[in-house]
C-alpha atoms as a PDB file:
ATOM      1  CA  MET A   1     -12.163  -3.994  11.361  1.00  0.00           C
ATOM      2  CA  TYR A   2     -14.939  -5.756   9.474  1.00  0.00           C
ATOM      3  CA  HIS A   3     -16.043  -9.337  10.293  1.00  0.00           C
ATOM      4  CA  ILE A   4     -16.585 -11.859   7.492  1.00  0.00           C
ATOM      5  CA  ASN A   5     -19.997 -12.913   8.843  1.00  0.00           C
ATOM      6  CA  GLU A   6     -21.232  -9.325   8.724  1.00  0.00           C
ATOM      7  CA  ILE A   7     -20.089  -8.912   5.130  1.00  0.00           C
ATOM      8  CA  SER A   8     -21.447 -12.276   3.989  1.00  0.00           C
ATOM      9  CA  LYS A   9     -24.863 -11.450   5.424  1.00  0.00           C
ATOM     10  CA  LEU A  10     -24.801  -8.009   3.777  1.00  0.00           C
ATOM     11  CA  ILE A  11     -24.390  -9.465   0.266  1.00  0.00           C
ATOM     12  CA  ASN A  12     -26.289 -12.762   0.794  1.00  0.00           C
ATOM     13  CA  GLY A  13     -23.164 -14.870   0.420  1.00  0.00           C
ATOM     14  CA  LYS A  14     -22.111 -18.285   1.689  1.00  0.00           C
ATOM     15  CA  ILE A  15     -18.790 -18.701   3.526  1.00  0.00           C
ATOM     16  CA  ILE A  16     -16.503 -21.542   2.506  1.00  0.00           C
ATOM     17  CA  GLY A  17     -13.492 -21.769   4.801  1.00  0.00           C
ATOM     18  CA  GLU A  18     -12.634 -19.887   7.982  1.00  0.00           C
ATOM     19  CA  ASP A  19     -15.602 -17.961   9.375  1.00  0.00           C
ATOM     20  CA  ASN A  20     -13.832 -15.855  11.992  1.00  0.00           C
ATOM     21  CA  LEU A  21     -11.798 -13.506   9.787  1.00  0.00           C
ATOM     22  CA  GLU A  22     -11.679  -9.726  10.067  1.00  0.00           C
ATOM     23  CA  PHE A  23     -10.605  -7.232   7.401  1.00  0.00           C
ATOM     24  CA  SER A  24      -9.261  -3.705   7.465  1.00  0.00           C
ATOM     25  CA  LYS A  25     -10.514  -2.780   3.978  1.00  0.00           C
ATOM     26  CA  LEU A  26     -11.665  -3.884   0.533  1.00  0.00           C
ATOM     27  CA  SER A  27      -8.791  -3.928  -1.989  1.00  0.00           C
ATOM     28  CA  PRO A  28      -8.211  -4.652  -5.703  1.00  0.00           C
ATOM     29  CA  PHE A  29      -7.459  -8.286  -6.513  1.00  0.00           C
ATOM     30  CA  PHE A  30      -3.758  -7.979  -7.349  1.00  0.00           C
ATOM     31  CA  GLU A  31      -3.029  -5.260  -4.766  1.00  0.00           C
ATOM     32  CA  ALA A  32      -4.666  -6.780  -1.682  1.00  0.00           C
ATOM     33  CA  ASP A  33      -2.723  -7.522   1.499  1.00  0.00           C
ATOM     34  CA  PRO A  34      -3.404 -10.582   3.699  1.00  0.00           C
ATOM     35  CA  GLU A  35      -5.662  -8.599   6.048  1.00  0.00           C
ATOM     36  CA  ASP A  36      -7.784  -7.283   3.127  1.00  0.00           C
ATOM     37  CA  LEU A  37     -10.920  -8.601   1.482  1.00  0.00           C
ATOM     38  CA  THR A  38     -11.022  -8.725  -2.320  1.00  0.00           C
ATOM     39  CA  PHE A  39     -13.256 -10.066  -5.104  1.00  0.00           C
ATOM     40  CA  ALA A  40     -12.758 -12.029  -8.319  1.00  0.00           C
ATOM     41  CA  ALA A  41     -15.174 -10.913 -11.000  1.00  0.00           C
ATOM     42  CA  ASP A  42     -13.701 -12.182 -14.282  1.00  0.00           C
ATOM     43  CA  GLU A  43     -11.992 -15.264 -15.707  1.00  0.00           C
ATOM     44  CA  ASN A  44      -8.486 -13.871 -15.328  1.00  0.00           C
ATOM     45  CA  MET A  45      -8.977 -13.399 -11.596  1.00  0.00           C
ATOM     46  CA  LEU A  46     -10.826 -16.674 -11.073  1.00  0.00           C
ATOM     47  CA  LYS A  47      -8.017 -18.610 -12.782  1.00  0.00           C
ATOM     48  CA  ASN A  48      -5.404 -16.834 -10.676  1.00  0.00           C
ATOM     49  CA  ILE A  49      -6.805 -17.005  -7.156  1.00  0.00           C
ATOM     50  CA  SER A  50      -3.258 -17.623  -5.919  1.00  0.00           C
ATOM     51  CA  GLY A  51      -2.279 -14.275  -7.463  1.00  0.00           C
ATOM     52  CA  THR A  52      -3.894 -12.329  -4.644  1.00  0.00           C
ATOM     53  CA  LYS A  53      -2.441 -12.108  -1.148  1.00  0.00           C
ATOM     54  CA  ALA A  54      -5.893 -11.641   0.367  1.00  0.00           C
ATOM     55  CA  LYS A  55      -6.980 -14.443   2.677  1.00  0.00           C
ATOM     56  CA  ALA A  56     -10.623 -14.069   1.655  1.00  0.00           C
ATOM     57  CA  VAL A  57     -12.114 -13.611  -1.811  1.00  0.00           C
ATOM     58  CA  ILE A  58     -15.681 -12.879  -2.924  1.00  0.00           C
ATOM     59  CA  VAL A  59     -16.448 -15.153  -5.890  1.00  0.00           C
ATOM     60  CA  PRO A  60     -19.370 -16.451  -7.957  1.00  0.00           C
ATOM     61  CA  VAL A  61     -20.261 -20.131  -7.736  1.00  0.00           C
ATOM     62  CA  MET A  62     -17.259 -22.201  -8.917  1.00  0.00           C
ATOM     63  CA  GLU A  63     -16.762 -25.880  -9.725  1.00  0.00           C
ATOM     64  CA  GLU A  64     -13.767 -26.032  -7.384  1.00  0.00           C
ATOM     65  CA  TYR A  65     -12.507 -23.716  -4.662  1.00  0.00           C
ATOM     66  CA  PRO A  66      -8.688 -23.674  -4.487  1.00  0.00           C
ATOM     67  CA  THR A  67      -7.294 -24.424  -1.045  1.00  0.00           C
ATOM     68  CA  GLY A  68      -5.549 -21.820   1.082  1.00  0.00           C
ATOM     69  CA  LYS A  69      -8.282 -19.173   0.831  1.00  0.00           C
ATOM     70  CA  THR A  70     -11.608 -18.406   2.430  1.00  0.00           C
ATOM     71  CA  TYR A  71     -14.475 -17.605   0.052  1.00  0.00           C
ATOM     72  CA  ILE A  72     -17.693 -15.657   0.194  1.00  0.00           C
ATOM     73  CA  VAL A  73     -19.702 -17.323  -2.592  1.00  0.00           C
ATOM     74  CA  LEU A  74     -22.451 -15.448  -4.438  1.00  0.00           C
ATOM     75  CA  GLU A  75     -25.143 -16.649  -6.829  1.00  0.00           C
ATOM     76  CA  GLN A  76     -24.203 -13.748  -9.119  1.00  0.00           C
ATOM     77  CA  ASN A  77     -21.173 -11.861 -10.424  1.00  0.00           C
ATOM     78  CA  PRO A  78     -19.491  -9.991  -7.537  1.00  0.00           C
ATOM     79  CA  ARG A  79     -19.541  -6.816  -9.657  1.00  0.00           C
ATOM     80  CA  ASN A  80     -23.302  -6.676  -9.137  1.00  0.00           C
ATOM     81  CA  VAL A  81     -22.879  -6.142  -5.390  1.00  0.00           C
ATOM     82  CA  LEU A  82     -20.141  -3.522  -5.703  1.00  0.00           C
ATOM     83  CA  PRO A  83     -22.490  -0.609  -4.873  1.00  0.00           C
ATOM     84  CA  ILE A  84     -23.386  -2.346  -1.596  1.00  0.00           C
ATOM     85  CA  LEU A  85     -19.799  -3.297  -0.746  1.00  0.00           C
ATOM     86  CA  LEU A  86     -18.258   0.079  -1.526  1.00  0.00           C
ATOM     87  CA  ASN A  87     -20.904   1.948   0.422  1.00  0.00           C
ATOM     88  CA  PHE A  88     -20.232  -0.381   3.374  1.00  0.00           C
ATOM     89  CA  PHE A  89     -16.447   0.072   3.296  1.00  0.00           C
ATOM     90  CA  LYS A  90     -16.479   3.817   2.587  1.00  0.00           C
ATOM     91  CA  LEU A  91     -14.812   5.742   5.415  1.00  0.00           C
ATOM     92  CA  LYS A  92     -17.125   8.082   7.265  1.00  0.00           C
ATOM     93  CA  MET A  93     -16.289  11.787   7.075  1.00  0.00           C
ATOM     94  CA  GLN A  94     -16.331  14.249   9.963  1.00  0.00           C
ATOM     95  CA  LYS A  95     -18.333  17.435   9.549  1.00  0.00           C
ATOM     96  CA  PRO A  96     -16.436  20.675   8.891  1.00  0.00           C
ATOM     97  CA  GLU A  97     -16.269  22.744  12.089  1.00  0.00           C
ATOM     98  CA  LYS A  98     -13.525  25.340  11.686  1.00  0.00           C
ATOM     99  CA  GLN A  99     -11.586  26.945   8.864  1.00  0.00           C
ATOM    100  CA  THR A 100      -8.526  25.043  10.117  1.00  0.00           C
ATOM    101  CA  GLU A 101      -9.568  22.022  12.139  1.00  0.00           C
ATOM    102  CA  ASP A 102      -7.919  21.502  15.538  1.00  0.00           C
ATOM    103  CA  SER A 103      -6.662  18.038  14.581  1.00  0.00           C
ATOM    104  CA  ALA A 104      -4.716  19.329  11.567  1.00  0.00           C
ATOM    105  CA  LYS A 105      -0.916  19.101  11.841  1.00  0.00           C
ATOM    106  CA  ILE A 106       0.729  22.174  10.347  1.00  0.00           C
ATOM    107  CA  GLY A 107       4.478  22.060   9.740  1.00  0.00           C
ATOM    108  CA  GLU A 108       6.940  24.887  10.272  1.00  0.00           C
ATOM    109  CA  ASN A 109       6.803  27.928   8.001  1.00  0.00           C
ATOM    110  CA  VAL A 110       3.527  26.884   6.335  1.00  0.00           C
ATOM    111  CA  THR A 111       1.455  29.662   4.729  1.00  0.00           C
ATOM    112  CA  ILE A 112      -2.332  29.335   4.601  1.00  0.00           C
ATOM    113  CA  GLY A 113      -4.246  31.961   2.613  1.00  0.00           C
ATOM    114  CA  ILE A 114      -7.581  33.450   3.600  1.00  0.00           C
ATOM    115  CA  ASN A 115     -10.771  31.438   3.025  1.00  0.00           C
ATOM    116  CA  SER A 116      -8.873  28.158   2.711  1.00  0.00           C
ATOM    117  CA  TYR A 117     -10.272  25.123   4.532  1.00  0.00           C
ATOM    118  CA  ILE A 118      -7.876  22.676   6.213  1.00  0.00           C
ATOM    119  CA  GLY A 119      -9.782  19.563   7.265  1.00  0.00           C
ATOM    120  CA  HIS A 120      -9.647  17.078  10.125  1.00  0.00           C
ATOM    121  CA  ASN A 121      -6.343  15.207  10.527  1.00  0.00           C
ATOM    122  CA  VAL A 122      -4.715  16.960   7.569  1.00  0.00           C
ATOM    123  CA  GLU A 123      -0.902  17.027   7.585  1.00  0.00           C
ATOM    124  CA  LEU A 124       0.945  19.880   5.863  1.00  0.00           C
ATOM    125  CA  GLY A 125       4.717  19.585   5.507  1.00  0.00           C
ATOM    126  CA  GLU A 126       7.094  22.432   6.267  1.00  0.00           C
ATOM    127  CA  ASN A 127       7.391  25.384   3.875  1.00  0.00           C
ATOM    128  CA  THR A 128       4.188  24.420   2.050  1.00  0.00           C
ATOM    129  CA  VAL A 129       2.112  27.308   0.674  1.00  0.00           C
ATOM    130  CA  ILE A 130      -1.682  27.143   0.524  1.00  0.00           C
ATOM    131  CA  TYR A 131      -3.116  30.076  -1.432  1.00  0.00           C
ATOM    132  CA  PRO A 132      -6.579  31.594  -0.769  1.00  0.00           C
ATOM    133  CA  ASN A 133      -9.778  29.650  -1.464  1.00  0.00           C
ATOM    134  CA  VAL A 134      -8.200  26.202  -1.384  1.00  0.00           C
ATOM    135  CA  THR A 135     -10.023  23.182   0.068  1.00  0.00           C
ATOM    136  CA  ILE A 136      -7.974  20.447   1.727  1.00  0.00           C
ATOM    137  CA  MET A 137     -10.328  17.753   3.022  1.00  0.00           C
ATOM    138  CA  GLU A 138     -10.041  15.234   5.835  1.00  0.00           C
ATOM    139  CA  GLY A 139      -7.003  13.004   6.174  1.00  0.00           C
ATOM    140  CA  VAL A 140      -4.992  14.557   3.346  1.00  0.00           C
ATOM    141  CA  LYS A 141      -1.194  14.499   3.652  1.00  0.00           C
ATOM    142  CA  ILE A 142       0.933  17.028   1.758  1.00  0.00           C
ATOM    143  CA  GLY A 143       4.721  16.905   1.848  1.00  0.00           C
ATOM    144  CA  LYS A 144       7.100  19.774   2.395  1.00  0.00           C
ATOM    145  CA  ASN A 145       7.794  22.588  -0.085  1.00  0.00           C
ATOM    146  CA  SER A 146       4.535  22.051  -1.967  1.00  0.00           C
ATOM    147  CA  ILE A 147       2.414  24.820  -3.518  1.00  0.00           C
ATOM    148  CA  ILE A 148      -1.373  24.669  -3.787  1.00  0.00           C
ATOM    149  CA  TYR A 149      -2.790  27.562  -5.808  1.00  0.00           C
ATOM    150  CA  SER A 150      -6.216  29.167  -5.423  1.00  0.00           C
ATOM    151  CA  ASN A 151      -9.415  27.207  -6.033  1.00  0.00           C
ATOM    152  CA  ALA A 152      -7.649  23.851  -6.036  1.00  0.00           C
ATOM    153  CA  VAL A 153      -9.384  21.020  -4.174  1.00  0.00           C
ATOM    154  CA  VAL A 154      -7.755  17.993  -2.582  1.00  0.00           C
ATOM    155  CA  ARG A 155     -10.398  15.475  -1.557  1.00  0.00           C
ATOM    156  CA  GLU A 156     -10.304  13.264   1.530  1.00  0.00           C
ATOM    157  CA  PHE A 157      -7.428  10.875   2.280  1.00  0.00           C
ATOM    158  CA  CYS A 158      -5.323  11.772  -0.768  1.00  0.00           C
ATOM    159  CA  ILE A 159      -1.538  11.845  -0.410  1.00  0.00           C
ATOM    160  CA  LEU A 160       0.720  14.440  -2.029  1.00  0.00           C
ATOM    161  CA  GLY A 161       4.495  14.156  -1.838  1.00  0.00           C
ATOM    162  CA  GLU A 162       7.177  16.819  -1.556  1.00  0.00           C
ATOM    163  CA  ASN A 163       7.562  19.686  -4.032  1.00  0.00           C
ATOM    164  CA  VAL A 164       4.116  19.051  -5.518  1.00  0.00           C
ATOM    165  CA  ILE A 165       2.459  21.942  -7.383  1.00  0.00           C
ATOM    166  CA  LEU A 166      -1.272  22.209  -8.014  1.00  0.00           C
ATOM    167  CA  GLN A 167      -2.170  25.015 -10.406  1.00  0.00           C
ATOM    168  CA  PRO A 168      -5.441  26.986  -9.935  1.00  0.00           C
ATOM    169  CA  GLY A 169      -8.590  24.924 -10.159  1.00  0.00           C
ATOM    170  CA  ALA A 170      -6.926  21.511 -10.076  1.00  0.00           C
ATOM    171  CA  VAL A 171      -9.101  18.824  -8.465  1.00  0.00           C
ATOM    172  CA  ILE A 172      -7.385  15.852  -6.851  1.00  0.00           C
ATOM    173  CA  GLY A 173      -9.500  12.924  -5.680  1.00  0.00           C
ATOM    174  CA  ALA A 174     -12.930  13.638  -7.126  1.00  0.00           C
ATOM    175  CA  ASP A 175     -15.099  10.556  -7.524  1.00  0.00           C
ATOM    176  CA  GLY A 176     -14.279   8.378 -10.494  1.00  0.00           C
ATOM    177  CA  PHE A 177     -17.037   7.894 -13.077  1.00  0.00           C
ATOM    178  CA  GLY A 178     -18.487   4.662 -11.691  1.00  0.00           C
ATOM    179  CA  PHE A 179     -22.088   3.596 -12.371  1.00  0.00           C
ATOM    180  CA  ILE A 180     -23.998   0.415 -13.160  1.00  0.00           C
ATOM    181  CA  LYS A 181     -27.505  -0.151 -14.473  1.00  0.00           C
ATOM    182  CA  ASP A 182     -30.021  -1.660 -12.083  1.00  0.00           C
ATOM    183  CA  LYS A 183     -32.751  -4.060 -13.218  1.00  0.00           C
ATOM    184  CA  ASN A 184     -34.969  -1.092 -14.082  1.00  0.00           C
ATOM    185  CA  GLY A 185     -32.344   0.550 -16.259  1.00  0.00           C
ATOM    186  CA  ASN A 186     -31.534   3.279 -13.754  1.00  0.00           C
ATOM    187  CA  ASN A 187     -27.961   4.484 -13.258  1.00  0.00           C
ATOM    188  CA  VAL A 188     -26.722   3.468  -9.791  1.00  0.00           C
ATOM    189  CA  LYS A 189     -23.636   5.160  -8.380  1.00  0.00           C
ATOM    190  CA  ILE A 190     -20.700   2.984  -7.346  1.00  0.00           C
ATOM    191  CA  GLU A 191     -19.021   4.683  -4.404  1.00  0.00           C
ATOM    192  CA  GLN A 192     -15.359   5.499  -4.972  1.00  0.00           C
ATOM    193  CA  ILE A 193     -13.497   4.564  -1.791  1.00  0.00           C
ATOM    194  CA  GLY A 194      -9.880   4.795  -2.963  1.00  0.00           C
ATOM    195  CA  ASN A 195      -7.615   7.828  -3.058  1.00  0.00           C
ATOM    196  CA  VAL A 196      -4.998   9.605  -5.168  1.00  0.00           C
ATOM    197  CA  ILE A 197      -1.250   9.478  -4.600  1.00  0.00           C
ATOM    198  CA  LEU A 198       0.908  12.174  -6.199  1.00  0.00           C
ATOM    199  CA  GLU A 199       4.560  11.380  -5.684  1.00  0.00           C
ATOM    200  CA  ASN A 200       7.378  13.920  -5.234  1.00  0.00           C
ATOM    201  CA  ASP A 201       7.903  16.667  -7.837  1.00  0.00           C
ATOM    202  CA  VAL A 202       4.564  16.162  -9.596  1.00  0.00           C
ATOM    203  CA  GLU A 203       2.825  19.207 -11.101  1.00  0.00           C
ATOM    204  CA  ILE A 204      -0.860  19.284 -12.032  1.00  0.00           C
ATOM    205  CA  GLY A 205      -2.063  21.992 -14.431  1.00  0.00           C
ATOM    206  CA  ALA A 206      -4.974  24.400 -14.096  1.00  0.00           C
ATOM    207  CA  ASN A 207      -8.446  22.840 -14.115  1.00  0.00           C
ATOM    208  CA  SER A 208      -7.070  19.325 -14.499  1.00  0.00           C
ATOM    209  CA  CYS A 209      -8.683  16.429 -12.642  1.00  0.00           C
ATOM    210  CA  VAL A 210      -7.158  13.301 -11.148  1.00  0.00           C
ATOM    211  CA  ASP A 211      -9.973  11.015  -9.967  1.00  0.00           C
ATOM    212  CA  ARG A 212      -9.695   8.836  -6.880  1.00  0.00           C
ATOM    213  CA  GLY A 213      -9.539   5.064  -7.249  1.00  0.00           C
ATOM    214  CA  ALA A 214     -12.783   3.141  -7.039  1.00  0.00           C
ATOM    215  CA  ILE A 215     -10.843   0.695  -4.858  1.00  0.00           C
ATOM    216  CA  GLY A 216      -7.161   1.338  -4.233  1.00  0.00           C
ATOM    217  CA  SER A 217      -5.247   4.335  -5.547  1.00  0.00           C
ATOM    218  CA  THR A 218      -4.852   6.433  -8.652  1.00  0.00           C
ATOM    219  CA  ILE A 219      -1.110   7.110  -8.804  1.00  0.00           C
ATOM    220  CA  VAL A 220       0.962   9.769 -10.557  1.00  0.00           C
ATOM    221  CA  LYS A 221       4.623   8.928 -10.058  1.00  0.00           C
ATOM    222  CA  ARG A 222       7.656  11.072  -9.364  1.00  0.00           C
ATOM    223  CA  GLY A 223       8.473  13.984 -11.630  1.00  0.00           C
ATOM    224  CA  THR A 224       5.485  13.718 -13.968  1.00  0.00           C
ATOM    225  CA  LYS A 225       4.046  16.974 -15.282  1.00  0.00           C
ATOM    226  CA  ILE A 226       0.401  17.246 -16.271  1.00  0.00           C
ATOM    227  CA  ASP A 227      -0.797  20.194 -18.361  1.00  0.00           C
ATOM    228  CA  ASN A 228      -4.051  22.173 -18.092  1.00  0.00           C
ATOM    229  CA  LEU A 229      -7.450  20.578 -18.776  1.00  0.00           C
ATOM    230  CA  VAL A 230      -6.333  16.961 -18.487  1.00  0.00           C
ATOM    231  CA  HIS A 231      -8.461  14.140 -17.107  1.00  0.00           C
ATOM    232  CA  ILE A 232      -6.839  11.194 -15.310  1.00  0.00           C
ATOM    233  CA  ALA A 233      -9.526   8.623 -14.462  1.00  0.00           C
ATOM    234  CA  HIS A 234      -9.859   6.266 -11.507  1.00  0.00           C
ATOM    235  CA  ASN A 235      -7.126   3.707 -10.833  1.00  0.00           C
ATOM    236  CA  ASP A 236      -4.773   4.981 -13.533  1.00  0.00           C
ATOM    237  CA  ILE A 237      -1.061   4.615 -12.860  1.00  0.00           C
ATOM    238  CA  ILE A 238       1.060   7.258 -14.586  1.00  0.00           C
ATOM    239  CA  GLY A 239       4.796   6.537 -14.576  1.00  0.00           C
ATOM    240  CA  GLU A 240       7.779   8.706 -13.663  1.00  0.00           C
ATOM    241  CA  ASN A 241       8.813  11.816 -15.602  1.00  0.00           C
ATOM    242  CA  CYS A 242       5.917  11.714 -18.043  1.00  0.00           C
ATOM    243  CA  PHE A 243       4.383  14.665 -19.926  1.00  0.00           C
ATOM    244  CA  ILE A 244       0.587  14.596 -20.279  1.00  0.00           C
ATOM    245  CA  ILE A 245      -0.424  17.549 -22.469  1.00  0.00           C
ATOM    246  CA  ALA A 246      -3.579  19.697 -22.551  1.00  0.00           C
ATOM    247  CA  GLN A 247      -7.031  18.193 -23.172  1.00  0.00           C
ATOM    248  CA  THR A 248      -5.804  14.631 -22.987  1.00  0.00           C
ATOM    249  CA  GLY A 249      -8.282  12.188 -21.478  1.00  0.00           C
ATOM    250  CA  ILE A 250      -7.214   8.866 -19.989  1.00  0.00           C
ATOM    251  CA  SER A 251      -9.905   6.300 -19.151  1.00  0.00           C
ATOM    252  CA  GLY A 252      -9.849   4.156 -16.032  1.00  0.00           C
ATOM    253  CA  SER A 253      -7.276   1.509 -15.051  1.00  0.00           C
ATOM    254  CA  VAL A 254      -4.674   2.574 -17.623  1.00  0.00           C
ATOM    255  CA  GLU A 255      -0.946   2.136 -16.931  1.00  0.00           C
ATOM    256  CA  VAL A 256       1.492   4.573 -18.528  1.00  0.00           C
ATOM    257  CA  GLY A 257       5.198   3.741 -18.333  1.00  0.00           C
ATOM    258  CA  ASN A 258       8.083   6.027 -17.401  1.00  0.00           C
ATOM    259  CA  ASN A 259       9.259   8.946 -19.568  1.00  0.00           C
ATOM    260  CA  SER A 260       6.272   8.763 -21.903  1.00  0.00           C
ATOM    261  CA  VAL A 261       4.573  11.694 -23.653  1.00  0.00           C
ATOM    262  CA  LEU A 262       0.888  11.978 -24.543  1.00  0.00           C
ATOM    263  CA  ALA A 263       0.479  15.120 -26.642  1.00  0.00           C
ATOM    264  CA  GLY A 264      -2.563  17.391 -26.757  1.00  0.00           C
ATOM    265  CA  GLN A 265      -6.066  15.950 -27.145  1.00  0.00           C
ATOM    266  CA  VAL A 266      -4.980  12.327 -27.014  1.00  0.00           C
ATOM    267  CA  GLY A 267      -7.761   9.936 -25.986  1.00  0.00           C
ATOM    268  CA  VAL A 268      -6.976   6.676 -24.199  1.00  0.00           C
ATOM    269  CA  ALA A 269      -9.439   3.792 -23.820  1.00  0.00           C
ATOM    270  CA  GLY A 270      -9.637   1.958 -20.509  1.00  0.00           C
ATOM    271  CA  HIS A 271      -7.581  -0.955 -19.122  1.00  0.00           C
ATOM    272  CA  LEU A 272      -4.610  -0.446 -21.477  1.00  0.00           C
ATOM    273  CA  LYS A 273      -0.843  -0.540 -20.923  1.00  0.00           C
ATOM    274  CA  ILE A 274       1.349   2.120 -22.505  1.00  0.00           C
ATOM    275  CA  GLY A 275       5.049   1.326 -22.287  1.00  0.00           C
ATOM    276  CA  ASN A 276       8.144   3.279 -21.284  1.00  0.00           C
ATOM    277  CA  ASN A 277       9.573   6.036 -23.521  1.00  0.00           C
ATOM    278  CA  VAL A 278       6.441   6.157 -25.676  1.00  0.00           C
ATOM    279  CA  VAL A 279       5.480   9.285 -27.638  1.00  0.00           C
ATOM    280  CA  VAL A 280       1.924   9.676 -28.942  1.00  0.00           C
ATOM    281  CA  ALA A 281       1.232  12.645 -31.227  1.00  0.00           C
ATOM    282  CA  ALA A 282      -1.630  15.117 -30.762  1.00  0.00           C
ATOM    283  CA  LYS A 283      -5.254  14.157 -31.471  1.00  0.00           C
ATOM    284  CA  SER A 284      -4.474  10.433 -31.512  1.00  0.00           C
ATOM    285  CA  GLY A 285      -6.780   7.716 -30.209  1.00  0.00           C
ATOM    286  CA  ILE A 286      -5.285   4.843 -28.223  1.00  0.00           C
ATOM    287  CA  THR A 287      -7.377   1.656 -28.222  1.00  0.00           C
ATOM    288  CA  ASN A 288      -4.672  -1.018 -27.775  1.00  0.00           C
ATOM    289  CA  ASP A 289      -1.569  -1.557 -25.648  1.00  0.00           C
ATOM    290  CA  ILE A 290       1.606   0.217 -26.833  1.00  0.00           C
ATOM    291  CA  PRO A 291       5.062  -1.394 -26.406  1.00  0.00           C
ATOM    292  CA  ASP A 292       8.132   0.422 -25.076  1.00  0.00           C
ATOM    293  CA  ASN A 293       9.955   3.017 -27.204  1.00  0.00           C
ATOM    294  CA  SER A 294       7.091   3.464 -29.694  1.00  0.00           C
ATOM    295  CA  LYS A 295       6.309   6.670 -31.597  1.00  0.00           C
ATOM    296  CA  MET A 296       2.659   6.602 -32.603  1.00  0.00           C
ATOM    297  CA  SER A 297      -0.028   8.845 -34.055  1.00  0.00           C
ATOM    298  CA  GLY A 298      -3.453   8.949 -35.646  1.00  0.00           C
ATOM    299  CA  TYR A 299      -6.727   7.148 -35.277  1.00  0.00           C
ATOM    300  CA  PRO A 300      -6.614   4.234 -35.740  1.00  0.00           C
ATOM    301  CA  LEU A 301      -3.237   4.469 -34.023  1.00  0.00           C
ATOM    302  CA  ARG A 302      -0.227   3.608 -36.195  1.00  0.00           C
ATOM    303  CA  PRO A 303       3.550   4.050 -36.105  1.00  0.00           C
ATOM    304  CA  HIS A 304       4.098   7.756 -36.623  1.00  0.00           C
ATOM    305  CA  MET A 305       5.933   7.594 -39.981  1.00  0.00           C
ATOM    306  CA  GLU A 306       3.310   5.231 -41.408  1.00  0.00           C
ATOM    307  CA  ASP A 307       0.556   7.559 -40.263  1.00  0.00           C
ATOM    308  CA  LEU A 308       2.303  10.515 -41.928  1.00  0.00           C
ATOM    309  CA  ARG A 309       2.600   8.616 -45.224  1.00  0.00           C
ATOM    310  CA  ILE A 310      -1.117   7.769 -45.113  1.00  0.00           C
ATOM    311  CA  LYS A 311      -2.053  11.389 -44.439  1.00  0.00           C
ATOM    312  CA  MET A 312       0.185  12.600 -47.268  1.00  0.00           C
ATOM    313  CA  SER A 313      -1.414  10.050 -49.600  1.00  0.00           C
ATOM    314  CA  MET A 314      -4.886  11.325 -48.703  1.00  0.00           C
ATOM    315  CA  GLY A 315      -3.940  14.673 -50.257  1.00  0.00           C
ATOM    316  CA  LYS A 316      -3.600  12.934 -53.626  1.00  0.00           C
ATOM    317  CA  VAL A 317      -7.078  11.362 -53.533  1.00  0.00           C
ATOM    318  CA  PRO A 318      -8.880  14.207 -55.423  1.00  0.00           C
ATOM    319  CA  GLU A 319      -6.336  13.983 -58.242  1.00  0.00           C
ATOM    320  CA  LEU A 320      -6.684  10.183 -58.374  1.00  0.00           C
ATOM    321  CA  ILE A 321     -10.487  10.428 -58.502  1.00  0.00           C
ATOM    322  CA  LYS A 322     -10.212  12.878 -61.393  1.00  0.00           C
ATOM    323  CA  ARG A 323      -7.887  10.521 -63.284  1.00  0.00           C
ATOM    324  CA  VAL A 324     -10.184   7.533 -62.681  1.00  0.00           C
ATOM    325  CA  LYS A 325     -13.152   9.457 -64.082  1.00  0.00           C
ATOM    326  CA  GLU A 326     -11.125  10.387 -67.155  1.00  0.00           C
ATOM    327  CA  LEU A 327     -10.120   6.748 -67.660  1.00  0.00           C
ATOM    328  CA  GLU A 328     -13.752   5.666 -67.307  1.00  0.00           C
ATOM    329  CA  LYS A 329     -14.741   8.077 -70.063  1.00  0.00           C
ATOM    330  CA  ILE A 330     -11.997   6.703 -72.328  1.00  0.00           C
ATOM    331  CA  LEU A 331     -13.087   3.122 -71.671  1.00  0.00           C
ATOM    332  CA  LYS A 332     -16.724   3.924 -72.427  1.00  0.00           C
ATOM    333  CA  LYS A 333     -15.719   5.455 -75.761  1.00  0.00           C
ATOM    334  CA  GLU A 334     -13.642   2.420 -76.649  1.00  0.00           C
ATOM    335  CA  GLU A 335     -16.519   0.090 -75.761  1.00  0.00           C
ATOM    336  CA  LYS A 336     -18.718   1.884 -78.286  1.00  0.00           C
END
């Protein structure tokens, strides 16, 4: 547990409210539990302090401090102290000691291939198969009947459900791409202290990456299938029974609804919401929210039939240019 006085001193904050609180972890604003600490870094959060269950919130200086919460007040935006906070709350890892650590819990009829590492406090469900050269790091939980193929990596504290398949080279729980500029213009790493949750019946393709949450979890829900060479960034939430096809890249904090399809080479900007039953055609670029039951394509993104009409029209442009030039010649002659 972490004491509020210790944290306030760490980030040069001032406590307003109860000064004897303890916290189990740092959590995202809208996902925090009462025993968690959170922070409000933008107007939406600051206007909705009651929207978090956390008892204590890190905030910038405010005109009024709503009752019912304890505050750690900073003279700057809380985002600026994230590198300090995340490094402080990051769980400490134990050093690797054996190929299968003594504290690992191995279920019945589990197969572990040669040269695979099974870390401290890992839990492997019954009938799970771990092929050679797999790395399962500390605190990972994998449900029964799962298959982890060679050269896959599952980073610390990630949770995989039942019947999960990781194809060769898949990486689950690598650090999300989090950096800020310091006052000298240098890139400073923001520690990524969340994890990844893959629910039951999820399959991740070869050499695809699902990054851990910066704070909280990146989640891929039940039955979703992800193709080869796909990137799912930190704190994304991918709905149930989705198809995410090869070379698609999804930026951070995106929500994808259930039964949606992102075809090959689709790019998704960050902090967007894609609805249920959405289909986005290959090589499209998503820069705005998409409502339920939409069929979209292109860049800029448009309804699919509209995008097709525009592309068909583009094929007529050379002919139109030729006709315009001919008309210009006629007009010049008439002017003479």
